[in-house]
Structures are given as structure tokens and as C-alpha cells.
Amino acid sequence: MRVNHLVVIKFREGVDETRIASHLAALAGLRVKMPELIVDLSLGRNFTDRAAGYTHAVTVTLANREALPIYLQHPEHQAVAAGLRADADYLVLDYEF
């Protein structure tokens, strides 16, 4: 079964659009940097008022459950996650489908 790693992001007050764009570019770049792990990656900005202040989301599709810890510990993921931790709050959900 494949796995979706879903991250819902709320950038903190004061984080400007240039910095947000940089985070989103880094997230999108993970697919190119880890083609052996990432089957698909999508991200975008929320356009409704139903997300309790969360503004963006990224979904990373992995081949299977065994790929998740490898992805999470990968240095490229660690670098992107560290940047997000500095500027955002987020929720993470991992599920098989």
C-alpha cells in the first residue's frame, strides 16, 4: 500500500511572502532530490476559511510504509523541516491507501 505524508502548515505572523515562497520551493524540490523515495508530491495554498488558520498543505506520496522513516530521516527532508519549524506551526498525518 502507498502512504501519503500530509503536512498542514500555518506560517507565523511576520513571516513574509518571500520567505513563504522559499519554503514552498524547498518543499517542491524534495521530489527532485529524492526520486527514489517520492512517488508524487503536491502542495498549495488554502483558499477557503475552513482550515482554522492553516494556510498551506503538502502531500508527499511514498511507495509504502517502509519508505516513511527513510524519507523522514533523509538529510534533504531534515533541512526543509528545520526551516519550517523556525517559521511555522504544522500538523502531520500519515496514512496508507
N, C-alpha and C. Protein backbone atom coordinates (compact mmCIF):
# COMPACT_ATOMS: atom_id res chain seq x y z
N MET A 1 0.83 -1.19 0.00
CA MET A 1 0.00 0.00 0.00
C MET A 1 0.88 1.25 0.00
N ARG A 2 0.44 2.25 -0.72
CA ARG A 2 1.15 3.53 -0.72
C ARG A 2 0.83 4.30 0.56
N VAL A 3 1.65 5.30 0.82
CA VAL A 3 1.50 6.14 2.01
C VAL A 3 1.46 7.61 1.58
N ASN A 4 0.53 8.35 2.14
CA ASN A 4 0.53 9.80 1.99
C ASN A 4 1.00 10.41 3.29
N HIS A 5 1.98 11.28 3.18
CA HIS A 5 2.52 12.07 4.29
C HIS A 5 1.97 13.48 4.08
N LEU A 6 0.99 13.86 4.88
CA LEU A 6 0.29 15.12 4.73
C LEU A 6 0.74 16.10 5.81
N VAL A 7 1.14 17.29 5.40
CA VAL A 7 1.56 18.33 6.34
C VAL A 7 0.70 19.56 6.06
N VAL A 8 0.00 20.03 7.09
CA VAL A 8 -0.82 21.23 7.01
C VAL A 8 -0.08 22.33 7.78
N ILE A 9 0.13 23.46 7.12
CA ILE A 9 1.07 24.47 7.61
C ILE A 9 0.36 25.79 7.91
N LYS A 10 0.76 26.41 9.03
CA LYS A 10 0.30 27.76 9.39
C LYS A 10 1.55 28.59 9.64
N PHE A 11 1.87 29.47 8.70
CA PHE A 11 3.05 30.33 8.88
C PHE A 11 2.76 31.35 9.97
N ARG A 12 3.77 31.60 10.78
CA ARG A 12 3.62 32.53 11.90
C ARG A 12 3.52 33.97 11.40
N GLU A 13 2.87 34.78 12.22
CA GLU A 13 2.74 36.20 11.93
C GLU A 13 4.13 36.80 11.74
N GLY A 14 4.27 37.62 10.74
CA GLY A 14 5.55 38.27 10.47
C GLY A 14 6.40 37.56 9.44
N VAL A 15 6.04 36.35 9.06
CA VAL A 15 6.79 35.65 8.01
C VAL A 15 6.27 36.18 6.67
N ASP A 16 7.16 36.82 5.91
CA ASP A 16 6.70 37.48 4.69
C ASP A 16 6.55 36.51 3.52
N GLU A 17 5.92 37.02 2.46
CA GLU A 17 5.60 36.17 1.29
C GLU A 17 6.85 35.64 0.60
N THR A 18 7.93 36.39 0.63
CA THR A 18 9.17 35.91 0.01
C THR A 18 9.70 34.69 0.76
N ARG A 19 9.66 34.76 2.06
CA ARG A 19 10.13 33.62 2.88
C ARG A 19 9.20 32.43 2.71
N ILE A 20 7.90 32.66 2.67
CA ILE A 20 6.94 31.57 2.44
C ILE A 20 7.21 30.92 1.09
N ALA A 21 7.42 31.72 0.06
CA ALA A 21 7.72 31.18 -1.27
C ALA A 21 8.99 30.34 -1.25
N SER A 22 9.97 30.75 -0.46
CA SER A 22 11.21 29.98 -0.33
C SER A 22 10.95 28.62 0.31
N HIS A 23 10.12 28.60 1.35
CA HIS A 23 9.76 27.32 1.98
C HIS A 23 9.03 26.42 0.99
N LEU A 24 8.10 26.98 0.25
CA LEU A 24 7.33 26.18 -0.70
C LEU A 24 8.23 25.63 -1.81
N ALA A 25 9.17 26.42 -2.27
CA ALA A 25 10.11 25.96 -3.29
C ALA A 25 10.97 24.82 -2.74
N ALA A 26 11.39 24.94 -1.49
CA ALA A 26 12.19 23.87 -0.87
C ALA A 26 11.37 22.59 -0.75
N LEU A 27 10.10 22.73 -0.35
CA LEU A 27 9.23 21.55 -0.27
C LEU A 27 9.06 20.91 -1.65
N ALA A 28 8.77 21.71 -2.66
CA ALA A 28 8.59 21.18 -4.01
C ALA A 28 9.86 20.51 -4.52
N GLY A 29 11.00 21.05 -4.15
CA GLY A 29 12.28 20.50 -4.59
C GLY A 29 12.61 19.12 -4.04
N LEU A 30 11.91 18.71 -2.99
CA LEU A 30 12.18 17.40 -2.41
C LEU A 30 11.94 16.28 -3.43
N ARG A 31 10.97 16.45 -4.28
CA ARG A 31 10.66 15.40 -5.26
C ARG A 31 11.86 15.13 -6.17
N VAL A 32 12.53 16.18 -6.59
CA VAL A 32 13.69 16.04 -7.47
C VAL A 32 14.88 15.47 -6.71
N LYS A 33 14.99 15.83 -5.44
CA LYS A 33 16.14 15.41 -4.65
C LYS A 33 16.01 13.99 -4.11
N MET A 34 14.79 13.44 -4.10
CA MET A 34 14.58 12.09 -3.57
C MET A 34 13.69 11.27 -4.50
N PRO A 35 14.03 11.17 -5.77
CA PRO A 35 13.14 10.44 -6.70
C PRO A 35 13.01 8.96 -6.36
N GLU A 36 13.99 8.42 -5.66
CA GLU A 36 13.92 7.01 -5.28
C GLU A 36 12.90 6.76 -4.17
N LEU A 37 12.46 7.80 -3.48
CA LEU A 37 11.51 7.65 -2.38
C LEU A 37 10.13 8.23 -2.69
N ILE A 38 10.10 9.38 -3.36
CA ILE A 38 8.86 10.12 -3.56
C ILE A 38 8.20 9.71 -4.87
N VAL A 39 6.99 9.18 -4.76
CA VAL A 39 6.20 8.81 -5.93
C VAL A 39 5.52 10.04 -6.51
N ASP A 40 5.02 10.90 -5.63
CA ASP A 40 4.33 12.12 -6.06
C ASP A 40 4.41 13.14 -4.93
N LEU A 41 4.29 14.41 -5.29
CA LEU A 41 4.29 15.49 -4.31
C LEU A 41 3.40 16.59 -4.84
N SER A 42 2.50 17.06 -4.00
CA SER A 42 1.67 18.22 -4.36
C SER A 42 1.63 19.17 -3.19
N LEU A 43 1.51 20.45 -3.49
CA LEU A 43 1.41 21.44 -2.43
C LEU A 43 0.63 22.62 -2.94
N GLY A 44 0.07 23.37 -2.00
CA GLY A 44 -0.68 24.55 -2.40
C GLY A 44 -1.15 25.36 -1.22
N ARG A 45 -1.76 26.50 -1.56
CA ARG A 45 -2.29 27.43 -0.57
C ARG A 45 -3.79 27.17 -0.40
N ASN A 46 -4.23 27.19 0.83
CA ASN A 46 -5.65 27.06 1.13
C ASN A 46 -6.41 28.28 0.58
N PHE A 47 -7.60 28.04 0.05
CA PHE A 47 -8.38 29.16 -0.47
C PHE A 47 -9.76 29.30 0.19
N THR A 48 -9.98 28.57 1.29
CA THR A 48 -11.25 28.69 2.00
C THR A 48 -11.01 29.18 3.42
N ASP A 49 -12.08 29.37 4.15
CA ASP A 49 -11.98 29.80 5.55
C ASP A 49 -12.23 28.63 6.50
N ARG A 50 -12.04 27.40 6.04
CA ARG A 50 -12.37 26.22 6.83
C ARG A 50 -11.16 25.55 7.49
N ALA A 51 -9.99 26.16 7.42
CA ALA A 51 -8.76 25.48 7.84
C ALA A 51 -8.20 25.97 9.17
N ALA A 52 -9.00 26.65 9.96
CA ALA A 52 -8.58 27.10 11.29
C ALA A 52 -7.25 27.87 11.27
N GLY A 53 -7.05 28.67 10.22
CA GLY A 53 -5.85 29.49 10.13
C GLY A 53 -4.68 28.83 9.42
N TYR A 54 -4.78 27.55 9.11
CA TYR A 54 -3.71 26.89 8.36
C TYR A 54 -3.80 27.37 6.92
N THR A 55 -2.65 27.69 6.34
CA THR A 55 -2.63 28.38 5.07
C THR A 55 -2.14 27.55 3.89
N HIS A 56 -1.37 26.51 4.15
CA HIS A 56 -0.76 25.72 3.09
C HIS A 56 -0.79 24.24 3.47
N ALA A 57 -0.62 23.39 2.45
CA ALA A 57 -0.50 21.96 2.71
C ALA A 57 0.43 21.34 1.67
N VAL A 58 1.07 20.29 2.07
CA VAL A 58 1.89 19.48 1.16
C VAL A 58 1.55 18.02 1.41
N THR A 59 1.41 17.28 0.32
CA THR A 59 1.20 15.84 0.40
C THR A 59 2.32 15.16 -0.36
N VAL A 60 3.03 14.28 0.33
CA VAL A 60 4.11 13.51 -0.26
C VAL A 60 3.64 12.06 -0.31
N THR A 61 3.60 11.49 -1.51
CA THR A 61 3.21 10.10 -1.67
C THR A 61 4.46 9.24 -1.76
N LEU A 62 4.50 8.23 -0.91
CA LEU A 62 5.62 7.28 -0.85
C LEU A 62 5.13 5.90 -1.27
N ALA A 63 6.04 5.05 -1.70
CA ALA A 63 5.66 3.73 -2.23
C ALA A 63 5.01 2.84 -1.18
N ASN A 64 5.47 2.94 0.07
CA ASN A 64 4.95 2.05 1.10
C ASN A 64 5.32 2.58 2.49
N ARG A 65 4.85 1.91 3.49
CA ARG A 65 5.07 2.33 4.88
C ARG A 65 6.56 2.30 5.23
N GLU A 66 7.29 1.36 4.68
CA GLU A 66 8.72 1.24 4.99
C GLU A 66 9.51 2.44 4.49
N ALA A 67 9.01 3.13 3.47
CA ALA A 67 9.71 4.30 2.93
C ALA A 67 9.59 5.52 3.84
N LEU A 68 8.56 5.56 4.70
CA LEU A 68 8.33 6.76 5.52
C LEU A 68 9.50 7.09 6.45
N PRO A 69 10.01 6.16 7.27
CA PRO A 69 11.13 6.54 8.14
C PRO A 69 12.39 6.91 7.36
N ILE A 70 12.58 6.31 6.20
CA ILE A 70 13.74 6.66 5.37
C ILE A 70 13.59 8.10 4.88
N TYR A 71 12.39 8.44 4.42
CA TYR A 71 12.10 9.81 3.97
C TYR A 71 12.29 10.80 5.11
N LEU A 72 11.73 10.50 6.27
CA LEU A 72 11.78 11.43 7.40
C LEU A 72 13.21 11.69 7.87
N GLN A 73 14.08 10.70 7.78
CA GLN A 73 15.46 10.85 8.24
C GLN A 73 16.41 11.34 7.15
N HIS A 74 15.92 11.42 5.92
CA HIS A 74 16.76 11.87 4.81
C HIS A 74 17.26 13.30 5.08
N PRO A 75 18.53 13.59 4.84
CA PRO A 75 19.07 14.93 5.11
C PRO A 75 18.32 16.06 4.40
N GLU A 76 17.83 15.81 3.20
CA GLU A 76 17.09 16.86 2.48
C GLU A 76 15.78 17.17 3.19
N HIS A 77 15.08 16.14 3.67
CA HIS A 77 13.84 16.37 4.42
C HIS A 77 14.15 17.07 5.74
N GLN A 78 15.19 16.64 6.41
CA GLN A 78 15.56 17.24 7.68
C GLN A 78 15.82 18.74 7.53
N ALA A 79 16.48 19.13 6.45
CA ALA A 79 16.79 20.54 6.22
C ALA A 79 15.51 21.36 5.99
N VAL A 80 14.61 20.83 5.17
CA VAL A 80 13.35 21.54 4.89
C VAL A 80 12.52 21.64 6.17
N ALA A 81 12.44 20.55 6.91
CA ALA A 81 11.65 20.53 8.14
C ALA A 81 12.21 21.52 9.17
N ALA A 82 13.51 21.63 9.26
CA ALA A 82 14.11 22.59 10.21
C ALA A 82 13.73 24.02 9.85
N GLY A 83 13.72 24.34 8.57
CA GLY A 83 13.31 25.67 8.15
C GLY A 83 11.86 25.95 8.49
N LEU A 84 11.00 24.97 8.27
CA LEU A 84 9.58 25.14 8.60
C LEU A 84 9.37 25.33 10.09
N ARG A 85 10.08 24.55 10.88
CA ARG A 85 9.94 24.67 12.35
C ARG A 85 10.25 26.09 12.81
N ALA A 86 11.16 26.77 12.13
CA ALA A 86 11.53 28.13 12.51
C ALA A 86 10.44 29.15 12.20
N ASP A 87 9.61 28.88 11.19
CA ASP A 87 8.67 29.88 10.71
C ASP A 87 7.20 29.48 10.75
N ALA A 88 6.89 28.25 11.16
CA ALA A 88 5.51 27.80 11.03
C ALA A 88 5.14 26.79 12.11
N ASP A 89 3.86 26.69 12.31
CA ASP A 89 3.29 25.58 13.08
C ASP A 89 2.67 24.65 12.05
N TYR A 90 2.63 23.37 12.36
CA TYR A 90 2.08 22.45 11.37
C TYR A 90 1.55 21.19 12.04
N LEU A 91 0.67 20.53 11.32
CA LEU A 91 0.13 19.23 11.71
C LEU A 91 0.58 18.22 10.67
N VAL A 92 0.87 17.00 11.12
CA VAL A 92 1.31 15.94 10.21
C VAL A 92 0.40 14.74 10.38
N LEU A 93 0.03 14.16 9.25
CA LEU A 93 -0.80 12.96 9.24
C LEU A 93 -0.23 12.03 8.18
N ASP A 94 -0.02 10.78 8.54
CA ASP A 94 0.47 9.78 7.61
C ASP A 94 -0.58 8.68 7.51
N TYR A 95 -0.95 8.32 6.27
CA TYR A 95 -1.96 7.27 6.11
C TYR A 95 -1.68 6.43 4.87
N GLU A 96 -2.10 5.19 4.96
CA GLU A 96 -1.97 4.27 3.83
C GLU A 96 -3.22 4.33 2.98
N PHE A 97 -3.05 4.06 1.69
CA PHE A 97 -4.20 3.99 0.80
C PHE A 97 -3.97 2.99 -0.29
